[in-house]
Amino acid sequence: MDAKPIDQRDIENEWDADIYRVYFWTADGGGCEEHELTGVQDVHEVLAWAATNAGDRVPEIFVRHDHSQEHGLIRIAGGRPSAA
């Protein structure tokens, strides 16, 4: 990891994250259960919800970002397990 000071004025836009996606993967990455979370305070609430509901599954967490006519996901935690 590399951490360095930045000039906060280099950003032109800032959006609040209000839609999150949580994917619960089976350990082998072959199966997935998907959830969309809205009405949450912040990412800490999403992380806590995912941890509580994961069971033996692997959570992958995204922020849904809507820009103009496009919808996209920005991964913020976890990842899909590799297929065995």
PDB file of N, CA and C in Angstrom:
ATOM      1  N   MET A   1       0.843  -1.174   0.000  1.00  0.00           N
ATOM      2  CA  MET A   1       0.000   0.000   0.000  1.00  0.00           C
ATOM      3  C   MET A   1       0.885   1.233   0.000  1.00  0.00           C
ATOM      4  N   ASP A   2       0.448   2.226  -0.745  1.00  0.00           N
ATOM      5  CA  ASP A   2       1.148   3.496  -0.796  1.00  0.00           C
ATOM      6  C   ASP A   2       0.159   4.581  -0.381  1.00  0.00           C
ATOM      7  N   ALA A   3       0.471   5.335   0.646  1.00  0.00           N
ATOM      8  CA  ALA A   3      -0.389   6.429   1.103  1.00  0.00           C
ATOM      9  C   ALA A   3       0.392   7.728   1.022  1.00  0.00           C
ATOM     10  N   LYS A   4      -0.232   8.743   0.424  1.00  0.00           N
ATOM     11  CA  LYS A   4       0.445  10.031   0.300  1.00  0.00           C
ATOM     12  C   LYS A   4      -0.576  11.151   0.448  1.00  0.00           C
ATOM     13  N   PRO A   5      -0.142  12.308   0.891  1.00  0.00           N
ATOM     14  CA  PRO A   5      -1.042  13.456   1.007  1.00  0.00           C
ATOM     15  C   PRO A   5      -1.542  13.875  -0.383  1.00  0.00           C
ATOM     16  N   ILE A   6      -2.749  14.415  -0.417  1.00  0.00           N
ATOM     17  CA  ILE A   6      -3.327  14.868  -1.688  1.00  0.00           C
ATOM     18  C   ILE A   6      -3.909  16.266  -1.514  1.00  0.00           C
ATOM     19  N   ASP A   7      -4.189  16.903  -2.629  1.00  0.00           N
ATOM     20  CA  ASP A   7      -4.873  18.186  -2.636  1.00  0.00           C
ATOM     21  C   ASP A   7      -6.356  17.893  -2.838  1.00  0.00           C
ATOM     22  N   GLN A   8      -7.177  18.152  -1.828  1.00  0.00           N
ATOM     23  CA  GLN A   8      -8.598  17.822  -1.903  1.00  0.00           C
ATOM     24  C   GLN A   8      -9.348  18.608  -2.974  1.00  0.00           C
ATOM     25  N   ARG A   9      -8.732  19.621  -3.539  1.00  0.00           N
ATOM     26  CA  ARG A   9      -9.373  20.427  -4.585  1.00  0.00           C
ATOM     27  C   ARG A   9      -9.300  19.780  -5.963  1.00  0.00           C
ATOM     28  N   ASP A  10      -8.685  18.577  -6.075  1.00  0.00           N
ATOM     29  CA  ASP A  10      -8.574  17.934  -7.386  1.00  0.00           C
ATOM     30  C   ASP A  10      -9.834  17.166  -7.775  1.00  0.00           C
ATOM     31  N   ILE A  11     -10.850  17.149  -6.921  1.00  0.00           N
ATOM     32  CA  ILE A  11     -12.107  16.455  -7.188  1.00  0.00           C
ATOM     33  C   ILE A  11     -13.154  17.472  -7.630  1.00  0.00           C
ATOM     34  N   GLU A  12     -13.867  17.144  -8.720  1.00  0.00           N
ATOM     35  CA  GLU A  12     -14.876  18.057  -9.245  1.00  0.00           C
ATOM     36  C   GLU A  12     -16.286  17.727  -8.753  1.00  0.00           C
ATOM     37  N   ASN A  13     -16.540  16.463  -8.401  1.00  0.00           N
ATOM     38  CA  ASN A  13     -17.865  16.046  -7.963  1.00  0.00           C
ATOM     39  C   ASN A  13     -17.745  15.099  -6.781  1.00  0.00           C
ATOM     40  N   GLU A  14     -18.787  15.076  -5.976  1.00  0.00           N
ATOM     41  CA  GLU A  14     -18.862  14.154  -4.854  1.00  0.00           C
ATOM     42  C   GLU A  14     -20.312  13.725  -4.700  1.00  0.00           C
ATOM     43  N   TRP A  15     -20.544  12.416  -4.567  1.00  0.00           N
ATOM     44  CA  TRP A  15     -21.880  11.881  -4.424  1.00  0.00           C
ATOM     45  C   TRP A  15     -21.953  11.054  -3.153  1.00  0.00           C
ATOM     46  N   ASP A  16     -23.108  11.069  -2.509  1.00  0.00           N
ATOM     47  CA  ASP A  16     -23.338  10.172  -1.386  1.00  0.00           C
ATOM     48  C   ASP A  16     -23.748   8.810  -1.937  1.00  0.00           C
ATOM     49  N   ALA A  17     -23.186   7.747  -1.378  1.00  0.00           N
ATOM     50  CA  ALA A  17     -23.571   6.399  -1.772  1.00  0.00           C
ATOM     51  C   ALA A  17     -24.895   6.079  -1.091  1.00  0.00           C
ATOM     52  N   ASP A  18     -25.917   5.731  -1.875  1.00  0.00           N
ATOM     53  CA  ASP A  18     -27.195   5.402  -1.256  1.00  0.00           C
ATOM     54  C   ASP A  18     -27.754   4.058  -1.698  1.00  0.00           C
ATOM     55  N   ILE A  19     -27.071   3.398  -2.627  1.00  0.00           N
ATOM     56  CA  ILE A  19     -27.486   2.053  -3.046  1.00  0.00           C
ATOM     57  C   ILE A  19     -26.252   1.158  -3.031  1.00  0.00           C
ATOM     58  N   TYR A  20     -26.369   0.063  -2.319  1.00  0.00           N
ATOM     59  CA  TYR A  20     -25.277  -0.902  -2.219  1.00  0.00           C
ATOM     60  C   TYR A  20     -25.752  -2.246  -2.729  1.00  0.00           C
ATOM     61  N   ARG A  21     -24.827  -3.038  -3.247  1.00  0.00           N
ATOM     62  CA  ARG A  21     -25.104  -4.423  -3.630  1.00  0.00           C
ATOM     63  C   ARG A  21     -24.218  -5.330  -2.807  1.00  0.00           C
ATOM     64  N   VAL A  22     -24.806  -6.389  -2.276  1.00  0.00           N
ATOM     65  CA  VAL A  22     -24.052  -7.396  -1.540  1.00  0.00           C
ATOM     66  C   VAL A  22     -24.298  -8.735  -2.217  1.00  0.00           C
ATOM     67  N   TYR A  23     -23.228  -9.368  -2.652  1.00  0.00           N
ATOM     68  CA  TYR A  23     -23.294 -10.699  -3.254  1.00  0.00           C
ATOM     69  C   TYR A  23     -22.705 -11.673  -2.246  1.00  0.00           C
ATOM     70  N   PHE A  24     -23.439 -12.724  -1.945  1.00  0.00           N
ATOM     71  CA  PHE A  24     -22.937 -13.782  -1.071  1.00  0.00           C
ATOM     72  C   PHE A  24     -22.570 -14.972  -1.948  1.00  0.00           C
ATOM     73  N   TRP A  25     -21.277 -15.255  -2.037  1.00  0.00           N
ATOM     74  CA  TRP A  25     -20.760 -16.336  -2.870  1.00  0.00           C
ATOM     75  C   TRP A  25     -20.578 -17.615  -2.057  1.00  0.00           C
ATOM     76  N   THR A  26     -20.835 -18.748  -2.688  1.00  0.00           N
ATOM     77  CA  THR A  26     -20.472 -20.012  -2.073  1.00  0.00           C
ATOM     78  C   THR A  26     -18.950 -20.085  -2.057  1.00  0.00           C
ATOM     79  N   ALA A  27     -18.409 -20.928  -1.191  1.00  0.00           N
ATOM     80  CA  ALA A  27     -16.951 -21.000  -1.019  1.00  0.00           C
ATOM     81  C   ALA A  27     -16.223 -21.316  -2.311  1.00  0.00           C
ATOM     82  N   ASP A  28     -16.874 -22.068  -3.224  1.00  0.00           N
ATOM     83  CA  ASP A  28     -16.213 -22.416  -4.484  1.00  0.00           C
ATOM     84  C   ASP A  28     -16.462 -21.385  -5.583  1.00  0.00           C
ATOM     85  N   GLY A  29     -17.230 -20.326  -5.278  1.00  0.00           N
ATOM     86  CA  GLY A  29     -17.496 -19.276  -6.258  1.00  0.00           C
ATOM     87  C   GLY A  29     -18.512 -19.663  -7.316  1.00  0.00           C
ATOM     88  N   GLY A  30     -19.134 -20.820  -7.159  1.00  0.00           N
ATOM     89  CA  GLY A  30     -20.075 -21.294  -8.174  1.00  0.00           C
ATOM     90  C   GLY A  30     -21.495 -20.803  -8.005  1.00  0.00           C
ATOM     91  N   GLY A  31     -21.875 -20.388  -6.811  1.00  0.00           N
ATOM     92  CA  GLY A  31     -23.235 -19.929  -6.565  1.00  0.00           C
ATOM     93  C   GLY A  31     -23.219 -18.574  -5.891  1.00  0.00           C
ATOM     94  N   CYS A  32     -24.283 -17.802  -6.126  1.00  0.00           N
ATOM     95  CA  CYS A  32     -24.323 -16.450  -5.590  1.00  0.00           C
ATOM     96  C   CYS A  32     -25.761 -16.057  -5.256  1.00  0.00           C
ATOM     97  N   GLU A  33     -25.924 -15.392  -4.123  1.00  0.00           N
ATOM     98  CA  GLU A  33     -27.196 -14.783  -3.735  1.00  0.00           C
ATOM     99  C   GLU A  33     -26.957 -13.280  -3.672  1.00  0.00           C
ATOM    100  N   GLU A  34     -27.804 -12.509  -4.345  1.00  0.00           N
ATOM    101  CA  GLU A  34     -27.575 -11.072  -4.482  1.00  0.00           C
ATOM    102  C   GLU A  34     -28.638 -10.266  -3.740  1.00  0.00           C
ATOM    103  N   HIS A  35     -28.201  -9.168  -3.123  1.00  0.00           N
ATOM    104  CA  HIS A  35     -29.110  -8.270  -2.405  1.00  0.00           C
ATOM    105  C   HIS A  35     -28.761  -6.829  -2.749  1.00  0.00           C
ATOM    106  N   GLU A  36     -29.800  -5.975  -2.832  1.00  0.00           N
ATOM    107  CA  GLU A  36     -29.590  -4.544  -2.982  1.00  0.00           C
ATOM    108  C   GLU A  36     -30.059  -3.877  -1.702  1.00  0.00           C
ATOM    109  N   LEU A  37     -29.215  -3.041  -1.105  1.00  0.00           N
ATOM    110  CA  LEU A  37     -29.522  -2.368   0.148  1.00  0.00           C
ATOM    111  C   LEU A  37     -29.687  -0.876  -0.095  1.00  0.00           C
ATOM    112  N   THR A  38     -30.778  -0.330   0.401  1.00  0.00           N
ATOM    113  CA  THR A  38     -31.030   1.114   0.330  1.00  0.00           C
ATOM    114  C   THR A  38     -31.435   1.590   1.719  1.00  0.00           C
ATOM    115  N   GLY A  39     -31.402   2.884   1.924  1.00  0.00           N
ATOM    116  CA  GLY A  39     -31.820   3.452   3.192  1.00  0.00           C
ATOM    117  C   GLY A  39     -30.850   3.177   4.330  1.00  0.00           C
ATOM    118  N   VAL A  40     -29.587   2.979   4.006  1.00  0.00           N
ATOM    119  CA  VAL A  40     -28.584   2.737   5.045  1.00  0.00           C
ATOM    120  C   VAL A  40     -27.843   4.031   5.363  1.00  0.00           C
ATOM    121  N   GLN A  41     -27.287   4.104   6.569  1.00  0.00           N
ATOM    122  CA  GLN A  41     -26.562   5.307   6.977  1.00  0.00           C
ATOM    123  C   GLN A  41     -25.243   5.451   6.247  1.00  0.00           C
ATOM    124  N   ASP A  42     -24.453   4.378   6.243  1.00  0.00           N
ATOM    125  CA  ASP A  42     -23.132   4.449   5.637  1.00  0.00           C
ATOM    126  C   ASP A  42     -22.593   3.041   5.396  1.00  0.00           C
ATOM    127  N   VAL A  43     -21.385   2.964   4.907  1.00  0.00           N
ATOM    128  CA  VAL A  43     -20.789   1.679   4.551  1.00  0.00           C
ATOM    129  C   VAL A  43     -20.603   0.778   5.765  1.00  0.00           C
ATOM    130  N   HIS A  44     -20.440   1.352   6.944  1.00  0.00           N
ATOM    131  CA  HIS A  44     -20.280   0.534   8.153  1.00  0.00           C
ATOM    132  C   HIS A  44     -21.537  -0.299   8.412  1.00  0.00           C
ATOM    133  N   GLU A  45     -22.695   0.288   8.147  1.00  0.00           N
ATOM    134  CA  GLU A  45     -23.945  -0.451   8.314  1.00  0.00           C
ATOM    135  C   GLU A  45     -24.041  -1.588   7.297  1.00  0.00           C
ATOM    136  N   VAL A  46     -23.603  -1.341   6.086  1.00  0.00           N
ATOM    137  CA  VAL A  46     -23.611  -2.376   5.052  1.00  0.00           C
ATOM    138  C   VAL A  46     -22.654  -3.509   5.420  1.00  0.00           C
ATOM    139  N   LEU A  47     -21.458  -3.173   5.855  1.00  0.00           N
ATOM    140  CA  LEU A  47     -20.489  -4.190   6.259  1.00  0.00           C
ATOM    141  C   LEU A  47     -21.021  -5.033   7.412  1.00  0.00           C
ATOM    142  N   ALA A  48     -21.662  -4.404   8.386  1.00  0.00           N
ATOM    143  CA  ALA A  48     -22.227  -5.143   9.515  1.00  0.00           C
ATOM    144  C   ALA A  48     -23.347  -6.066   9.054  1.00  0.00           C
ATOM    145  N   TRP A  49     -24.213  -5.587   8.174  1.00  0.00           N
ATOM    146  CA  TRP A  49     -25.300  -6.415   7.652  1.00  0.00           C
ATOM    147  C   TRP A  49     -24.748  -7.619   6.906  1.00  0.00           C
ATOM    148  N   ALA A  50     -23.744  -7.382   6.078  1.00  0.00           N
ATOM    149  CA  ALA A  50     -23.137  -8.477   5.313  1.00  0.00           C
ATOM    150  C   ALA A  50     -22.506  -9.512   6.239  1.00  0.00           C
ATOM    151  N   ALA A  51     -21.802  -9.054   7.262  1.00  0.00           N
ATOM    152  CA  ALA A  51     -21.160  -9.981   8.203  1.00  0.00           C
ATOM    153  C   ALA A  51     -22.205 -10.803   8.953  1.00  0.00           C
ATOM    154  N   THR A  52     -23.301 -10.179   9.330  1.00  0.00           N
ATOM    155  CA  THR A  52     -24.361 -10.866  10.067  1.00  0.00           C
ATOM    156  C   THR A  52     -25.059 -11.908   9.200  1.00  0.00           C
ATOM    157  N   ASN A  53     -25.204 -11.643   7.912  1.00  0.00           N
ATOM    158  CA  ASN A  53     -25.984 -12.501   7.027  1.00  0.00           C
ATOM    159  C   ASN A  53     -25.166 -13.435   6.147  1.00  0.00           C
ATOM    160  N   ALA A  54     -23.846 -13.380   6.239  1.00  0.00           N
ATOM    161  CA  ALA A  54     -22.999 -14.182   5.348  1.00  0.00           C
ATOM    162  C   ALA A  54     -23.064 -15.675   5.639  1.00  0.00           C
ATOM    163  N   GLY A  55     -23.156 -16.047   6.909  1.00  0.00           N
ATOM    164  CA  GLY A  55     -23.084 -17.473   7.237  1.00  0.00           C
ATOM    165  C   GLY A  55     -21.745 -18.019   6.781  1.00  0.00           C
ATOM    166  N   ASP A  56     -21.767 -19.119   6.034  1.00  0.00           N
ATOM    167  CA  ASP A  56     -20.522 -19.698   5.535  1.00  0.00           C
ATOM    168  C   ASP A  56     -20.199 -19.226   4.116  1.00  0.00           C
ATOM    169  N   ARG A  57     -20.896 -18.178   3.670  1.00  0.00           N
ATOM    170  CA  ARG A  57     -20.671 -17.635   2.327  1.00  0.00           C
ATOM    171  C   ARG A  57     -19.677 -16.481   2.374  1.00  0.00           C
ATOM    172  N   VAL A  58     -19.143 -16.123   1.219  1.00  0.00           N
ATOM    173  CA  VAL A  58     -18.144 -15.057   1.103  1.00  0.00           C
ATOM    174  C   VAL A  58     -18.824 -13.808   0.540  1.00  0.00           C
ATOM    175  N   PRO A  59     -18.862 -12.701   1.312  1.00  0.00           N
ATOM    176  CA  PRO A  59     -19.517 -11.495   0.810  1.00  0.00           C
ATOM    177  C   PRO A  59     -18.609 -10.681  -0.126  1.00  0.00           C
ATOM    178  N   GLU A  60     -19.237 -10.116  -1.133  1.00  0.00           N
ATOM    179  CA  GLU A  60     -18.594  -9.159  -2.031  1.00  0.00           C
ATOM    180  C   GLU A  60     -19.515  -7.939  -2.048  1.00  0.00           C
ATOM    181  N   ILE A  61     -18.967  -6.751  -1.779  1.00  0.00           N
ATOM    182  CA  ILE A  61     -19.799  -5.570  -1.559  1.00  0.00           C
ATOM    183  C   ILE A  61     -19.438  -4.472  -2.566  1.00  0.00           C
ATOM    184  N   PHE A  62     -20.476  -3.877  -3.136  1.00  0.00           N
ATOM    185  CA  PHE A  62     -20.330  -2.816  -4.123  1.00  0.00           C
ATOM    186  C   PHE A  62     -21.182  -1.611  -3.757  1.00  0.00           C
ATOM    187  N   VAL A  63     -20.782  -0.446  -4.223  1.00  0.00           N
ATOM    188  CA  VAL A  63     -21.635   0.734  -4.283  1.00  0.00           C
ATOM    189  C   VAL A  63     -22.178   0.781  -5.699  1.00  0.00           C
ATOM    190  N   ARG A  64     -23.496   0.979  -5.831  1.00  0.00           N
ATOM    191  CA  ARG A  64     -24.058   1.165  -7.173  1.00  0.00           C
ATOM    192  C   ARG A  64     -23.924   2.640  -7.515  1.00  0.00           C
ATOM    193  N   HIS A  65     -23.341   2.911  -8.660  1.00  0.00           N
ATOM    194  CA  HIS A  65     -23.135   4.290  -9.098  1.00  0.00           C
ATOM    195  C   HIS A  65     -23.917   4.516 -10.383  1.00  0.00           C
ATOM    196  N   ASP A  66     -24.852   5.435 -10.332  1.00  0.00           N
ATOM    197  CA  ASP A  66     -25.653   5.775 -11.508  1.00  0.00           C
ATOM    198  C   ASP A  66     -25.157   7.109 -12.053  1.00  0.00           C
ATOM    199  N   HIS A  67     -24.792   7.095 -13.308  1.00  0.00           N
ATOM    200  CA  HIS A  67     -24.282   8.307 -13.944  1.00  0.00           C
ATOM    201  C   HIS A  67     -24.931   8.422 -15.313  1.00  0.00           C
ATOM    202  N   SER A  68     -25.673   9.495 -15.516  1.00  0.00           N
ATOM    203  CA  SER A  68     -26.421   9.703 -16.758  1.00  0.00           C
ATOM    204  C   SER A  68     -27.304   8.493 -17.013  1.00  0.00           C
ATOM    205  N   GLN A  69     -27.110   7.830 -18.137  1.00  0.00           N
ATOM    206  CA  GLN A  69     -27.919   6.671 -18.517  1.00  0.00           C
ATOM    207  C   GLN A  69     -27.253   5.352 -18.155  1.00  0.00           C
ATOM    208  N   GLU A  70     -26.118   5.406 -17.480  1.00  0.00           N
ATOM    209  CA  GLU A  70     -25.377   4.188 -17.182  1.00  0.00           C
ATOM    210  C   GLU A  70     -25.458   3.848 -15.696  1.00  0.00           C
ATOM    211  N   HIS A  71     -25.474   2.552 -15.415  1.00  0.00           N
ATOM    212  CA  HIS A  71     -25.421   2.057 -14.042  1.00  0.00           C
ATOM    213  C   HIS A  71     -24.156   1.226 -13.918  1.00  0.00           C
ATOM    214  N   GLY A  72     -23.441   1.402 -12.841  1.00  0.00           N
ATOM    215  CA  GLY A  72     -22.214   0.638 -12.647  1.00  0.00           C
ATOM    216  C   GLY A  72     -22.035   0.272 -11.185  1.00  0.00           C
ATOM    217  N   LEU A  73     -21.095  -0.623 -10.935  1.00  0.00           N
ATOM    218  CA  LEU A  73     -20.781  -1.053  -9.586  1.00  0.00           C
ATOM    219  C   LEU A  73     -19.323  -0.752  -9.286  1.00  0.00           C
ATOM    220  N   ILE A  74     -19.062  -0.277  -8.077  1.00  0.00           N
ATOM    221  CA  ILE A  74     -17.708  -0.016  -7.609  1.00  0.00           C
ATOM    222  C   ILE A  74     -17.475  -0.940  -6.415  1.00  0.00           C
ATOM    223  N   ARG A  75     -16.556  -1.886  -6.575  1.00  0.00           N
ATOM    224  CA  ARG A  75     -16.286  -2.842  -5.499  1.00  0.00           C
ATOM    225  C   ARG A  75     -15.608  -2.116  -4.350  1.00  0.00           C
ATOM    226  N   ILE A  76     -16.117  -2.348  -3.133  1.00  0.00           N
ATOM    227  CA  ILE A  76     -15.512  -1.724  -1.962  1.00  0.00           C
ATOM    228  C   ILE A  76     -15.023  -2.750  -0.948  1.00  0.00           C
ATOM    229  N   ALA A  77     -15.421  -4.002  -1.087  1.00  0.00           N
ATOM    230  CA  ALA A  77     -14.959  -5.033  -0.153  1.00  0.00           C
ATOM    231  C   ALA A  77     -15.194  -6.420  -0.739  1.00  0.00           C
ATOM    232  N   GLY A  78     -14.328  -7.332  -0.379  1.00  0.00           N
ATOM    233  CA  GLY A  78     -14.498  -8.733  -0.756  1.00  0.00           C
ATOM    234  C   GLY A  78     -14.195  -9.004  -2.214  1.00  0.00           C
ATOM    235  N   GLY A  79     -14.576 -10.180  -2.633  1.00  0.00           N
ATOM    236  CA  GLY A  79     -14.376 -10.607  -4.008  1.00  0.00           C
ATOM    237  C   GLY A  79     -14.921 -12.000  -4.206  1.00  0.00           C
ATOM    238  N   ARG A  80     -15.140 -12.353  -5.442  1.00  0.00           N
ATOM    239  CA  ARG A  80     -15.656 -13.684  -5.764  1.00  0.00           C
ATOM    240  C   ARG A  80     -14.555 -14.713  -5.550  1.00  0.00           C
ATOM    241  N   PRO A  81     -14.864 -15.777  -4.804  1.00  0.00           N
ATOM    242  CA  PRO A  81     -13.854 -16.827  -4.624  1.00  0.00           C
ATOM    243  C   PRO A  81     -13.520 -17.494  -5.951  1.00  0.00           C
ATOM    244  N   SER A  82     -12.316 -17.959  -6.075  1.00  0.00           N
ATOM    245  CA  SER A  82     -11.897 -18.663  -7.287  1.00  0.00           C
ATOM    246  C   SER A  82     -12.561 -20.025  -7.347  1.00  0.00           C
ATOM    247  N   ALA A  83     -12.955 -20.415  -8.557  1.00  0.00           N
ATOM    248  CA  ALA A  83     -13.508 -21.753  -8.748  1.00  0.00           C
ATOM    249  C   ALA A  83     -12.433 -22.784  -8.510  1.00  0.00           C
ATOM    250  N   ALA A  84     -12.785 -23.840  -7.813  1.00  0.00           N
ATOM    251  CA  ALA A  84     -11.807 -24.887  -7.485  1.00  0.00           C
ATOM    252  C   ALA A  84     -11.430 -25.704  -8.695  1.00  0.00           C
TER     253      ALA A  84
END
